[in-house]
mmCIF file of all heavy atoms, coordinates in Angstrom:
data_MODEL
# 
_entry.id   MODEL 
# 
loop_
_atom_site.group_PDB 
_atom_site.id 
_atom_site.type_symbol 
_atom_site.label_atom_id 
_atom_site.label_alt_id 
_atom_site.label_comp_id 
_atom_site.label_asym_id 
_atom_site.label_entity_id 
_atom_site.label_seq_id 
_atom_site.pdbx_PDB_ins_code 
_atom_site.Cartn_x 
_atom_site.Cartn_y 
_atom_site.Cartn_z 
_atom_site.occupancy 
_atom_site.B_iso_or_equiv 
_atom_site.pdbx_formal_charge 
_atom_site.auth_seq_id 
_atom_site.auth_comp_id 
_atom_site.auth_asym_id 
_atom_site.auth_atom_id 
_atom_site.pdbx_PDB_model_num 
ATOM 1   N N   . GLN A 1 1  ? -49.872 19.569 85.956  1.00 0.00 ? 1  GLN A N   1 
ATOM 2   C CA  . GLN A 1 1  ? -50.098 18.556 84.912  1.00 0.00 ? 1  GLN A CA  1 
ATOM 3   C C   . GLN A 1 1  ? -51.417 18.764 84.219  1.00 0.00 ? 1  GLN A C   1 
ATOM 4   O O   . GLN A 1 1  ? -51.538 18.500 83.015  1.00 0.00 ? 1  GLN A O   1 
ATOM 5   C CB  . GLN A 1 1  ? -50.071 17.173 85.534  1.00 0.00 ? 1  GLN A CB  1 
ATOM 6   C CG  . GLN A 1 1  ? -48.749 16.697 86.068  1.00 0.00 ? 1  GLN A CG  1 
ATOM 7   C CD  . GLN A 1 1  ? -48.820 15.300 86.610  1.00 0.00 ? 1  GLN A CD  1 
ATOM 8   O OE1 . GLN A 1 1  ? -49.252 14.380 85.943  1.00 0.00 ? 1  GLN A OE1 1 
ATOM 9   N NE2 . GLN A 1 1  ? -48.439 15.123 87.873  1.00 0.00 ? 1  GLN A NE2 1 
ATOM 10  N N   . HIS A 1 2  ? -52.429 19.217 84.936  1.00 0.00 ? 2  HIS A N   1 
ATOM 11  C CA  . HIS A 1 2  ? -53.805 19.256 84.397  1.00 0.00 ? 2  HIS A CA  1 
ATOM 12  C C   . HIS A 1 2  ? -54.232 20.602 83.870  1.00 0.00 ? 2  HIS A C   1 
ATOM 13  O O   . HIS A 1 2  ? -55.309 20.706 83.273  1.00 0.00 ? 2  HIS A O   1 
ATOM 14  C CB  . HIS A 1 2  ? -54.782 18.796 85.465  1.00 0.00 ? 2  HIS A CB  1 
ATOM 15  C CG  . HIS A 1 2  ? -54.644 17.353 85.816  1.00 0.00 ? 2  HIS A CG  1 
ATOM 16  N ND1 . HIS A 1 2  ? -55.300 16.744 86.855  1.00 0.00 ? 2  HIS A ND1 1 
ATOM 17  C CD2 . HIS A 1 2  ? -53.912 16.348 85.249  1.00 0.00 ? 2  HIS A CD2 1 
ATOM 18  C CE1 . HIS A 1 2  ? -54.984 15.466 86.927  1.00 0.00 ? 2  HIS A CE1 1 
ATOM 19  N NE2 . HIS A 1 2  ? -54.125 15.210 85.959  1.00 0.00 ? 2  HIS A NE2 1 
ATOM 20  N N   . ALA A 1 3  ? -53.447 21.669 84.103  1.00 0.00 ? 3  ALA A N   1 
ATOM 21  C CA  . ALA A 1 3  ? -53.842 22.979 83.587  1.00 0.00 ? 3  ALA A CA  1 
ATOM 22  C C   . ALA A 1 3  ? -53.723 23.003 82.067  1.00 0.00 ? 3  ALA A C   1 
ATOM 23  O O   . ALA A 1 3  ? -52.701 22.624 81.509  1.00 0.00 ? 3  ALA A O   1 
ATOM 24  C CB  . ALA A 1 3  ? -52.949 24.067 84.204  1.00 0.00 ? 3  ALA A CB  1 
ATOM 25  N N   . LYS A 1 4  ? -54.780 23.444 81.399  1.00 0.00 ? 4  LYS A N   1 
ATOM 26  C CA  . LYS A 1 4  ? -54.804 23.453 79.936  1.00 0.00 ? 4  LYS A CA  1 
ATOM 27  C C   . LYS A 1 4  ? -54.915 24.851 79.358  1.00 0.00 ? 4  LYS A C   1 
ATOM 28  O O   . LYS A 1 4  ? -54.242 25.182 78.397  1.00 0.00 ? 4  LYS A O   1 
ATOM 29  C CB  . LYS A 1 4  ? -56.005 22.608 79.437  1.00 0.00 ? 4  LYS A CB  1 
ATOM 30  C CG  . LYS A 1 4  ? -55.926 21.133 79.837  1.00 0.00 ? 4  LYS A CG  1 
ATOM 31  C CD  . LYS A 1 4  ? -54.750 20.434 79.181  1.00 0.00 ? 4  LYS A CD  1 
ATOM 32  C CE  . LYS A 1 4  ? -54.777 18.948 79.448  1.00 0.00 ? 4  LYS A CE  1 
ATOM 33  N NZ  . LYS A 1 4  ? -54.593 18.606 80.876  1.00 0.00 ? 4  LYS A NZ  1 
ATOM 34  N N   . SER A 1 5  ? -55.749 25.697 79.923  1.00 0.00 ? 5  SER A N   1 
ATOM 35  C CA  . SER A 1 5  ? -55.945 27.027 79.360  1.00 0.00 ? 5  SER A CA  1 
ATOM 36  C C   . SER A 1 5  ? -54.814 27.966 79.770  1.00 0.00 ? 5  SER A C   1 
ATOM 37  O O   . SER A 1 5  ? -54.054 27.686 80.694  1.00 0.00 ? 5  SER A O   1 
ATOM 38  C CB  . SER A 1 5  ? -57.292 27.609 79.823  1.00 0.00 ? 5  SER A CB  1 
ATOM 39  O OG  . SER A 1 5  ? -57.269 27.889 81.222  1.00 0.00 ? 5  SER A OG  1 
ATOM 40  N N   . LYS A 1 6  ? -54.732 29.119 79.104  1.00 0.00 ? 6  LYS A N   1 
ATOM 41  C CA  . LYS A 1 6  ? -53.701 30.091 79.440  1.00 0.00 ? 6  LYS A CA  1 
ATOM 42  C C   . LYS A 1 6  ? -53.891 30.614 80.842  1.00 0.00 ? 6  LYS A C   1 
ATOM 43  O O   . LYS A 1 6  ? -52.935 30.774 81.599  1.00 0.00 ? 6  LYS A O   1 
ATOM 44  C CB  . LYS A 1 6  ? -53.765 31.250 78.420  1.00 0.00 ? 6  LYS A CB  1 
ATOM 45  C CG  . LYS A 1 6  ? -52.736 32.334 78.662  1.00 0.00 ? 6  LYS A CG  1 
ATOM 46  C CD  . LYS A 1 6  ? -52.818 33.431 77.645  1.00 0.00 ? 6  LYS A CD  1 
ATOM 47  C CE  . LYS A 1 6  ? -51.776 34.519 77.921  1.00 0.00 ? 6  LYS A CE  1 
ATOM 48  N NZ  . LYS A 1 6  ? -51.861 35.627 76.923  1.00 0.00 ? 6  LYS A NZ  1 
ATOM 49  N N   . GLU A 1 7  ? -55.162 30.859 81.221  1.00 0.00 ? 7  GLU A N   1 
ATOM 50  C CA  . GLU A 1 7  ? -55.434 31.348 82.567  1.00 0.00 ? 7  GLU A CA  1 
ATOM 51  C C   . GLU A 1 7  ? -55.103 30.306 83.615  1.00 0.00 ? 7  GLU A C   1 
ATOM 52  O O   . GLU A 1 7  ? -54.491 30.609 84.650  1.00 0.00 ? 7  GLU A O   1 
ATOM 53  C CB  . GLU A 1 7  ? -56.913 31.762 82.692  1.00 0.00 ? 7  GLU A CB  1 
ATOM 54  C CG  . GLU A 1 7  ? -57.251 32.366 84.054  1.00 0.00 ? 7  GLU A CG  1 
ATOM 55  C CD  . GLU A 1 7  ? -58.703 32.805 84.146  1.00 0.00 ? 7  GLU A CD  1 
ATOM 56  O OE1 . GLU A 1 7  ? -59.481 32.392 83.266  1.00 0.00 ? 7  GLU A OE1 1 
ATOM 57  O OE2 . GLU A 1 7  ? -59.042 33.557 85.074  1.00 0.00 ? 7  GLU A OE2 1 
ATOM 58  N N   . GLY A 1 8  ? -55.464 29.055 83.343  1.00 0.00 ? 8  GLY A N   1 
ATOM 59  C CA  . GLY A 1 8  ? -55.153 27.984 84.294  1.00 0.00 ? 8  GLY A CA  1 
ATOM 60  C C   . GLY A 1 8  ? -53.656 27.800 84.491  1.00 0.00 ? 8  GLY A C   1 
ATOM 61  O O   . GLY A 1 8  ? -53.196 27.635 85.636  1.00 0.00 ? 8  GLY A O   1 
ATOM 62  N N   . LYS A 1 9  ? -52.892 27.852 83.419  1.00 0.00 ? 9  LYS A N   1 
ATOM 63  C CA  . LYS A 1 9  ? -51.436 27.705 83.525  1.00 0.00 ? 9  LYS A CA  1 
ATOM 64  C C   . LYS A 1 9  ? -50.829 28.865 84.305  1.00 0.00 ? 9  LYS A C   1 
ATOM 65  O O   . LYS A 1 9  ? -49.900 28.672 85.115  1.00 0.00 ? 9  LYS A O   1 
ATOM 66  C CB  . LYS A 1 9  ? -50.803 27.608 82.132  1.00 0.00 ? 9  LYS A CB  1 
ATOM 67  C CG  . LYS A 1 9  ? -51.163 26.318 81.392  1.00 0.00 ? 9  LYS A CG  1 
ATOM 68  C CD  . LYS A 1 9  ? -50.542 26.301 80.018  1.00 0.00 ? 9  LYS A CD  1 
ATOM 69  C CE  . LYS A 1 9  ? -50.904 25.013 79.272  1.00 0.00 ? 9  LYS A CE  1 
ATOM 70  N NZ  . LYS A 1 9  ? -50.329 24.985 77.915  1.00 0.00 ? 9  LYS A NZ  1 
ATOM 71  N N   . ALA A 1 10 ? -51.327 30.080 84.061  1.00 0.00 ? 10 ALA A N   1 
ATOM 72  C CA  . ALA A 1 10 ? -50.804 31.230 84.786  1.00 0.00 ? 10 ALA A CA  1 
ATOM 73  C C   . ALA A 1 10 ? -51.143 31.147 86.272  1.00 0.00 ? 10 ALA A C   1 
ATOM 74  O O   . ALA A 1 10 ? -50.314 31.486 87.137  1.00 0.00 ? 10 ALA A O   1 
ATOM 75  C CB  . ALA A 1 10 ? -51.377 32.522 84.189  1.00 0.00 ? 10 ALA A CB  1 
ATOM 76  N N   . GLN A 1 11 ? -52.334 30.666 86.601  1.00 0.00 ? 11 GLN A N   1 
ATOM 77  C CA  . GLN A 1 11 ? -52.737 30.537 87.987  1.00 0.00 ? 11 GLN A CA  1 
ATOM 78  C C   . GLN A 1 11 ? -51.855 29.515 88.714  1.00 0.00 ? 11 GLN A C   1 
ATOM 79  O O   . GLN A 1 11 ? -51.429 29.731 89.852  1.00 0.00 ? 11 GLN A O   1 
ATOM 80  C CB  . GLN A 1 11 ? -54.209 30.145 88.075  1.00 0.00 ? 11 GLN A CB  1 
ATOM 81  C CG  . GLN A 1 11 ? -55.169 31.262 87.689  1.00 0.00 ? 11 GLN A CG  1 
ATOM 82  C CD  . GLN A 1 11 ? -56.585 30.796 87.506  1.00 0.00 ? 11 GLN A CD  1 
ATOM 83  O OE1 . GLN A 1 11 ? -56.827 29.651 87.080  1.00 0.00 ? 11 GLN A OE1 1 
ATOM 84  N NE2 . GLN A 1 11 ? -57.550 31.634 87.805  1.00 0.00 ? 11 GLN A NE2 1 
ATOM 85  N N   . VAL A 1 12 ? -51.602 28.394 88.066  1.00 0.00 ? 12 VAL A N   1 
ATOM 86  C CA  . VAL A 1 12 ? -50.772 27.360 88.673  1.00 0.00 ? 12 VAL A CA  1 
ATOM 87  C C   . VAL A 1 12 ? -49.328 27.844 88.841  1.00 0.00 ? 12 VAL A C   1 
ATOM 88  O O   . VAL A 1 12 ? -48.710 27.638 89.896  1.00 0.00 ? 12 VAL A O   1 
ATOM 89  C CB  . VAL A 1 12 ? -50.805 26.061 87.825  1.00 0.00 ? 12 VAL A CB  1 
ATOM 90  C CG1 . VAL A 1 12 ? -49.797 25.065 88.353  1.00 0.00 ? 12 VAL A CG1 1 
ATOM 91  C CG2 . VAL A 1 12 ? -52.203 25.446 87.839  1.00 0.00 ? 12 VAL A CG2 1 
ATOM 92  N N   . GLU A 1 13 ? -48.809 28.511 87.842  1.00 0.00 ? 13 GLU A N   1 
ATOM 93  C CA  . GLU A 1 13 ? -47.433 29.038 87.931  1.00 0.00 ? 13 GLU A CA  1 
ATOM 94  C C   . GLU A 1 13 ? -47.316 30.029 89.059  1.00 0.00 ? 13 GLU A C   1 
ATOM 95  O O   . GLU A 1 13 ? -46.313 30.050 89.807  1.00 0.00 ? 13 GLU A O   1 
ATOM 96  C CB  . GLU A 1 13 ? -47.017 29.647 86.606  1.00 0.00 ? 13 GLU A CB  1 
ATOM 97  C CG  . GLU A 1 13 ? -45.549 30.079 86.594  1.00 0.00 ? 13 GLU A CG  1 
ATOM 98  C CD  . GLU A 1 13 ? -45.124 30.659 85.262  1.00 0.00 ? 13 GLU A CD  1 
ATOM 99  O OE1 . GLU A 1 13 ? -45.961 30.736 84.347  1.00 0.00 ? 13 GLU A OE1 1 
ATOM 100 O OE2 . GLU A 1 13 ? -43.936 31.045 85.145  1.00 0.00 ? 13 GLU A OE2 1 
ATOM 101 N N   . LEU A 1 14 ? -48.320 30.885 89.223  1.00 0.00 ? 14 LEU A N   1 
ATOM 102 C CA  . LEU A 1 14 ? -48.291 31.848 90.308  1.00 0.00 ? 14 LEU A CA  1 
ATOM 103 C C   . LEU A 1 14 ? -48.261 31.156 91.669  1.00 0.00 ? 14 LEU A C   1 
ATOM 104 O O   . LEU A 1 14 ? -47.479 31.527 92.554  1.00 0.00 ? 14 LEU A O   1 
ATOM 105 C CB  . LEU A 1 14 ? -49.521 32.776 90.219  1.00 0.00 ? 14 LEU A CB  1 
ATOM 106 C CG  . LEU A 1 14 ? -49.702 33.781 91.349  1.00 0.00 ? 14 LEU A CG  1 
ATOM 107 C CD1 . LEU A 1 14 ? -48.509 34.721 91.435  1.00 0.00 ? 14 LEU A CD1 1 
ATOM 108 C CD2 . LEU A 1 14 ? -51.007 34.564 91.157  1.00 0.00 ? 14 LEU A CD2 1 
ATOM 109 N N   . ALA A 1 15 ? -49.095 30.134 91.821  1.00 0.00 ? 15 ALA A N   1 
ATOM 110 C CA  . ALA A 1 15 ? -49.103 29.400 93.085  1.00 0.00 ? 15 ALA A CA  1 
ATOM 111 C C   . ALA A 1 15 ? -47.789 28.704 93.337  1.00 0.00 ? 15 ALA A C   1 
ATOM 112 O O   . ALA A 1 15 ? -47.271 28.671 94.471  1.00 0.00 ? 15 ALA A O   1 
ATOM 113 C CB  . ALA A 1 15 ? -50.248 28.388 93.091  1.00 0.00 ? 15 ALA A CB  1 
ATOM 114 N N   . GLN A 1 16 ? -47.181 28.144 92.303  1.00 0.00 ? 16 GLN A N   1 
ATOM 115 C CA  . GLN A 1 16 ? -45.886 27.465 92.456  1.00 0.00 ? 16 GLN A CA  1 
ATOM 116 C C   . GLN A 1 16 ? -44.790 28.438 92.855  1.00 0.00 ? 16 GLN A C   1 
ATOM 117 O O   . GLN A 1 16 ? -43.961 28.132 93.724  1.00 0.00 ? 16 GLN A O   1 
ATOM 118 C CB  . GLN A 1 16 ? -45.512 26.758 91.143  1.00 0.00 ? 16 GLN A CB  1 
ATOM 119 C CG  . GLN A 1 16 ? -46.345 25.513 90.845  1.00 0.00 ? 16 GLN A CG  1 
ATOM 120 C CD  . GLN A 1 16 ? -45.967 24.893 89.529  1.00 0.00 ? 16 GLN A CD  1 
ATOM 121 O OE1 . GLN A 1 16 ? -45.714 25.606 88.543  1.00 0.00 ? 16 GLN A OE1 1 
ATOM 122 N NE2 . GLN A 1 16 ? -45.931 23.579 89.462  1.00 0.00 ? 16 GLN A NE2 1 
ATOM 123 N N   . LEU A 1 17 ? -44.774 29.606 92.242  1.00 0.00 ? 17 LEU A N   1 
ATOM 124 C CA  . LEU A 1 17 ? -43.727 30.606 92.578  1.00 0.00 ? 17 LEU A CA  1 
ATOM 125 C C   . LEU A 1 17 ? -43.897 31.117 93.993  1.00 0.00 ? 17 LEU A C   1 
ATOM 126 O O   . LEU A 1 17 ? -42.920 31.330 94.713  1.00 0.00 ? 17 LEU A O   1 
ATOM 127 C CB  . LEU A 1 17 ? -43.770 31.748 91.567  1.00 0.00 ? 17 LEU A CB  1 
ATOM 128 C CG  . LEU A 1 17 ? -43.313 31.415 90.148  1.00 0.00 ? 17 LEU A CG  1 
ATOM 129 C CD1 . LEU A 1 17 ? -43.530 32.621 89.227  1.00 0.00 ? 17 LEU A CD1 1 
ATOM 130 C CD2 . LEU A 1 17 ? -41.865 30.999 90.135  1.00 0.00 ? 17 LEU A CD2 1 
ATOM 131 N N   . GLN A 1 18 ? -45.145 31.339 94.408  1.00 0.00 ? 18 GLN A N   1 
ATOM 132 C CA  . GLN A 1 18 ? -45.372 31.782 95.787  1.00 0.00 ? 18 GLN A CA  1 
ATOM 133 C C   . GLN A 1 18 ? -44.917 30.744 96.792  1.00 0.00 ? 18 GLN A C   1 
ATOM 134 O O   . GLN A 1 18 ? -44.367 31.068 97.842  1.00 0.00 ? 18 GLN A O   1 
ATOM 135 C CB  . GLN A 1 18 ? -46.859 32.101 95.983  1.00 0.00 ? 18 GLN A CB  1 
ATOM 136 C CG  . GLN A 1 18 ? -47.317 33.351 95.260  1.00 0.00 ? 18 GLN A CG  1 
ATOM 137 C CD  . GLN A 1 18 ? -48.813 33.544 95.338  1.00 0.00 ? 18 GLN A CD  1 
ATOM 138 O OE1 . GLN A 1 18 ? -49.579 32.606 95.473  1.00 0.00 ? 18 GLN A OE1 1 
ATOM 139 N NE2 . GLN A 1 18 ? -49.260 34.794 95.262  1.00 0.00 ? 18 GLN A NE2 1 
ATOM 140 N N   . TYR A 1 19 ? -45.132 29.473 96.457  1.00 0.00 ? 19 TYR A N   1 
ATOM 141 C CA  . TYR A 1 19 ? -44.690 28.384 97.323  1.00 0.00 ? 19 TYR A CA  1 
ATOM 142 C C   . TYR A 1 19 ? -43.160 28.296 97.328  1.00 0.00 ? 19 TYR A C   1 
ATOM 143 O O   . TYR A 1 19 ? -42.524 28.143 98.371  1.00 0.00 ? 19 TYR A O   1 
ATOM 144 C CB  . TYR A 1 19 ? -45.297 27.076 96.859  1.00 0.00 ? 19 TYR A CB  1 
ATOM 145 C CG  . TYR A 1 19 ? -44.781 25.855 97.581  1.00 0.00 ? 19 TYR A CG  1 
ATOM 146 C CD1 . TYR A 1 19 ? -45.307 25.463 98.803  1.00 0.00 ? 19 TYR A CD1 1 
ATOM 147 C CD2 . TYR A 1 19 ? -43.791 25.070 97.015  1.00 0.00 ? 19 TYR A CD2 1 
ATOM 148 C CE1 . TYR A 1 19 ? -44.839 24.336 99.466  1.00 0.00 ? 19 TYR A CE1 1 
ATOM 149 C CE2 . TYR A 1 19 ? -43.311 23.939 97.651  1.00 0.00 ? 19 TYR A CE2 1 
ATOM 150 C CZ  . TYR A 1 19 ? -43.842 23.586 98.874  1.00 0.00 ? 19 TYR A CZ  1 
ATOM 151 O OH  . TYR A 1 19 ? -43.365 22.476 99.543  1.00 0.00 ? 19 TYR A OH  1 
ATOM 152 N N   . MET A 1 20 ? -42.541 28.413 96.164  1.00 0.00 ? 20 MET A N   1 
ATOM 153 C CA  . MET A 1 20 ? -41.099 28.240 96.038  1.00 0.00 ? 20 MET A CA  1 
ATOM 154 C C   . MET A 1 20 ? -40.325 29.390 96.672  1.00 0.00 ? 20 MET A C   1 
ATOM 155 O O   . MET A 1 20 ? -39.218 29.188 97.196  1.00 0.00 ? 20 MET A O   1 
ATOM 156 C CB  . MET A 1 20 ? -40.727 28.125 94.544  1.00 0.00 ? 20 MET A CB  1 
ATOM 157 C CG  . MET A 1 20 ? -39.260 27.817 94.297  1.00 0.00 ? 20 MET A CG  1 
ATOM 158 S SD  . MET A 1 20 ? -38.875 27.915 92.541  1.00 0.00 ? 20 MET A SD  1 
ATOM 159 C CE  . MET A 1 20 ? -40.027 26.728 91.880  1.00 0.00 ? 20 MET A CE  1 
ATOM 160 N N   . LYS A 1 21 ? -40.897 30.585 96.663  1.00 0.00 ? 21 LYS A N   1 
ATOM 161 C CA  . LYS A 1 21 ? -40.166 31.772 97.128  1.00 0.00 ? 21 LYS A CA  1 
ATOM 162 C C   . LYS A 1 21 ? -39.719 31.623 98.588  1.00 0.00 ? 21 LYS A C   1 
ATOM 163 O O   . LYS A 1 21 ? -38.653 32.093 98.971  1.00 0.00 ? 21 LYS A O   1 
ATOM 164 C CB  . LYS A 1 21 ? -41.061 33.009 96.977  1.00 0.00 ? 21 LYS A CB  1 
ATOM 165 C CG  . LYS A 1 21 ? -40.359 34.303 97.363  1.00 0.00 ? 21 LYS A CG  1 
ATOM 166 C CD  . LYS A 1 21 ? -41.235 35.500 97.059  1.00 0.00 ? 21 LYS A CD  1 
ATOM 167 C CE  . LYS A 1 21 ? -42.444 35.531 97.984  1.00 0.00 ? 21 LYS A CE  1 
ATOM 168 N NZ  . LYS A 1 21 ? -43.208 36.813 97.824  1.00 0.00 ? 21 LYS A NZ  1 
ATOM 169 N N   . GLN A 1 22 ? -40.542 30.959 99.380  1.00 0.00 ? 22 GLN A N   1 
ATOM 170 C CA  . GLN A 1 22 ? -40.210 30.788 100.803 1.00 0.00 ? 22 GLN A CA  1 
ATOM 171 C C   . GLN A 1 22 ? -39.297 29.615 101.065 1.00 0.00 ? 22 GLN A C   1 
ATOM 172 O O   . GLN A 1 22 ? -38.869 29.391 102.192 1.00 0.00 ? 22 GLN A O   1 
ATOM 173 C CB  . GLN A 1 22 ? -41.513 30.603 101.592 1.00 0.00 ? 22 GLN A CB  1 
ATOM 174 C CG  . GLN A 1 22 ? -42.547 31.690 101.391 1.00 0.00 ? 22 GLN A CG  1 
ATOM 175 C CD  . GLN A 1 22 ? -42.003 33.062 101.773 1.00 0.00 ? 22 GLN A CD  1 
ATOM 176 O OE1 . GLN A 1 22 ? -41.215 33.182 102.715 1.00 0.00 ? 22 GLN A OE1 1 
ATOM 177 N NE2 . GLN A 1 22 ? -42.416 34.098 101.062 1.00 0.00 ? 22 GLN A NE2 1 
ATOM 178 N N   . ARG A 1 23 ? -38.994 28.840 100.008 1.00 0.00 ? 23 ARG A N   1 
ATOM 179 C CA  . ARG A 1 23 ? -38.215 27.617 100.214 1.00 0.00 ? 23 ARG A CA  1 
ATOM 180 C C   . ARG A 1 23 ? -36.951 27.575 99.381  1.00 0.00 ? 23 ARG A C   1 
ATOM 181 O O   . ARG A 1 23 ? -36.419 26.506 99.092  1.00 0.00 ? 23 ARG A O   1 
ATOM 182 C CB  . ARG A 1 23 ? -39.101 26.398 99.908  1.00 0.00 ? 23 ARG A CB  1 
ATOM 183 C CG  . ARG A 1 23 ? -40.216 26.214 100.923 1.00 0.00 ? 23 ARG A CG  1 
ATOM 184 C CD  . ARG A 1 23 ? -41.306 25.292 100.428 1.00 0.00 ? 23 ARG A CD  1 
ATOM 185 N NE  . ARG A 1 23 ? -42.264 25.049 101.498 1.00 0.00 ? 23 ARG A NE  1 
ATOM 186 C CZ  . ARG A 1 23 ? -43.254 25.908 101.813 1.00 0.00 ? 23 ARG A CZ  1 
ATOM 187 N NH1 . ARG A 1 23 ? -43.373 27.039 101.144 1.00 0.00 ? 23 ARG A NH1 1 
ATOM 188 N NH2 . ARG A 1 23 ? -44.099 25.627 102.788 1.00 0.00 ? 23 ARG A NH2 1 
ATOM 189 N N   . LEU A 1 24 ? -36.476 28.735 98.949  1.00 0.00 ? 24 LEU A N   1 
ATOM 190 C CA  . LEU A 1 24 ? -35.223 28.785 98.210  1.00 0.00 ? 24 LEU A CA  1 
ATOM 191 C C   . LEU A 1 24 ? -34.072 28.427 99.130  1.00 0.00 ? 24 LEU A C   1 
ATOM 192 O O   . LEU A 1 24 ? -34.015 28.839 100.291 1.00 0.00 ? 24 LEU A O   1 
ATOM 193 C CB  . LEU A 1 24 ? -35.004 30.164 97.632  1.00 0.00 ? 24 LEU A CB  1 
ATOM 194 C CG  . LEU A 1 24 ? -35.890 30.568 96.446  1.00 0.00 ? 24 LEU A CG  1 
ATOM 195 C CD1 . LEU A 1 24 ? -35.556 31.986 96.042  1.00 0.00 ? 24 LEU A CD1 1 
ATOM 196 C CD2 . LEU A 1 24 ? -35.700 29.625 95.291  1.00 0.00 ? 24 LEU A CD2 1 
ATOM 197 N N   . ARG A 1 25 ? -33.145 27.633 98.616  1.00 0.00 ? 25 ARG A N   1 
ATOM 198 C CA  . ARG A 1 25 ? -31.979 27.237 99.386  1.00 0.00 ? 25 ARG A CA  1 
ATOM 199 C C   . ARG A 1 25 ? -30.741 27.351 98.508  1.00 0.00 ? 25 ARG A C   1 
ATOM 200 O O   . ARG A 1 25 ? -30.806 27.286 97.291  1.00 0.00 ? 25 ARG A O   1 
ATOM 201 C CB  . ARG A 1 25 ? -32.125 25.779 99.880  1.00 0.00 ? 25 ARG A CB  1 
ATOM 202 C CG  . ARG A 1 25 ? -33.184 25.592 100.934 1.00 0.00 ? 25 ARG A CG  1 
ATOM 203 C CD  . ARG A 1 25 ? -33.563 24.128 101.075 1.00 0.00 ? 25 ARG A CD  1 
ATOM 204 N NE  . ARG A 1 25 ? -32.424 23.293 101.361 1.00 0.00 ? 25 ARG A NE  1 
ATOM 205 C CZ  . ARG A 1 25 ? -32.509 21.960 101.448 1.00 0.00 ? 25 ARG A CZ  1 
ATOM 206 N NH1 . ARG A 1 25 ? -33.670 21.364 101.275 1.00 0.00 ? 25 ARG A NH1 1 
ATOM 207 N NH2 . ARG A 1 25 ? -31.442 21.251 101.717 1.00 0.00 ? 25 ARG A NH2 1 
ATOM 208 N N   . GLY A 1 26 ? -29.590 27.517 99.159  1.00 0.00 ? 26 GLY A N   1 
ATOM 209 C CA  . GLY A 1 26 ? -28.347 27.601 98.400  1.00 0.00 ? 26 GLY A CA  1 
ATOM 210 C C   . GLY A 1 26 ? -27.238 26.859 99.106  1.00 0.00 ? 26 GLY A C   1 
ATOM 211 O O   . GLY A 1 26 ? -27.254 26.698 100.319 1.00 0.00 ? 26 GLY A O   1 
ATOM 212 N N   . TRP A 1 27 ? -26.263 26.382 98.341  1.00 0.00 ? 27 TRP A N   1 
ATOM 213 C CA  . TRP A 1 27 ? -25.125 25.650 98.898  1.00 0.00 ? 27 TRP A CA  1 
ATOM 214 C C   . TRP A 1 27 ? -23.853 26.230 98.285  1.00 0.00 ? 27 TRP A C   1 
ATOM 215 O O   . TRP A 1 27 ? -23.815 26.555 97.109  1.00 0.00 ? 27 TRP A O   1 
ATOM 216 C CB  . TRP A 1 27 ? -25.210 24.162 98.568  1.00 0.00 ? 27 TRP A CB  1 
ATOM 217 C CG  . TRP A 1 27 ? -26.314 23.469 99.292  1.00 0.00 ? 27 TRP A CG  1 
ATOM 218 C CD1 . TRP A 1 27 ? -26.243 22.765 100.456 1.00 0.00 ? 27 TRP A CD1 1 
ATOM 219 C CD2 . TRP A 1 27 ? -27.671 23.436 98.881  1.00 0.00 ? 27 TRP A CD2 1 
ATOM 220 N NE1 . TRP A 1 27 ? -27.491 22.298 100.807 1.00 0.00 ? 27 TRP A NE1 1 
ATOM 221 C CE2 . TRP A 1 27 ? -28.376 22.680 99.849  1.00 0.00 ? 27 TRP A CE2 1 
ATOM 222 C CE3 . TRP A 1 27 ? -28.399 23.952 97.817  1.00 0.00 ? 27 TRP A CE3 1 
ATOM 223 C CZ2 . TRP A 1 27 ? -29.737 22.430 99.794  1.00 0.00 ? 27 TRP A CZ2 1 
ATOM 224 C CZ3 . TRP A 1 27 ? -29.748 23.717 97.736  1.00 0.00 ? 27 TRP A CZ3 1 
ATOM 225 C CH2 . TRP A 1 27 ? -30.407 22.963 98.696  1.00 0.00 ? 27 TRP A CH2 1 
ATOM 226 N N   . GLY A 1 28 ? -22.803 26.293 99.097  1.00 0.00 ? 28 GLY A N   1 
ATOM 227 C CA  . GLY A 1 28 ? -21.485 26.669 98.586  1.00 0.00 ? 28 GLY A CA  1 
ATOM 228 C C   . GLY A 1 28 ? -21.491 28.010 97.888  1.00 0.00 ? 28 GLY A C   1 
ATOM 229 O O   . GLY A 1 28 ? -21.821 29.033 98.447  1.00 0.00 ? 28 GLY A O   1 
# 
């Protein structure tokens, strides 16, 4: 929510993807 600069947004997105990669789930 608070990232404003291009570098800040890229840093946050990188952290989110690293977190999400270990928590992918699938159904059916």
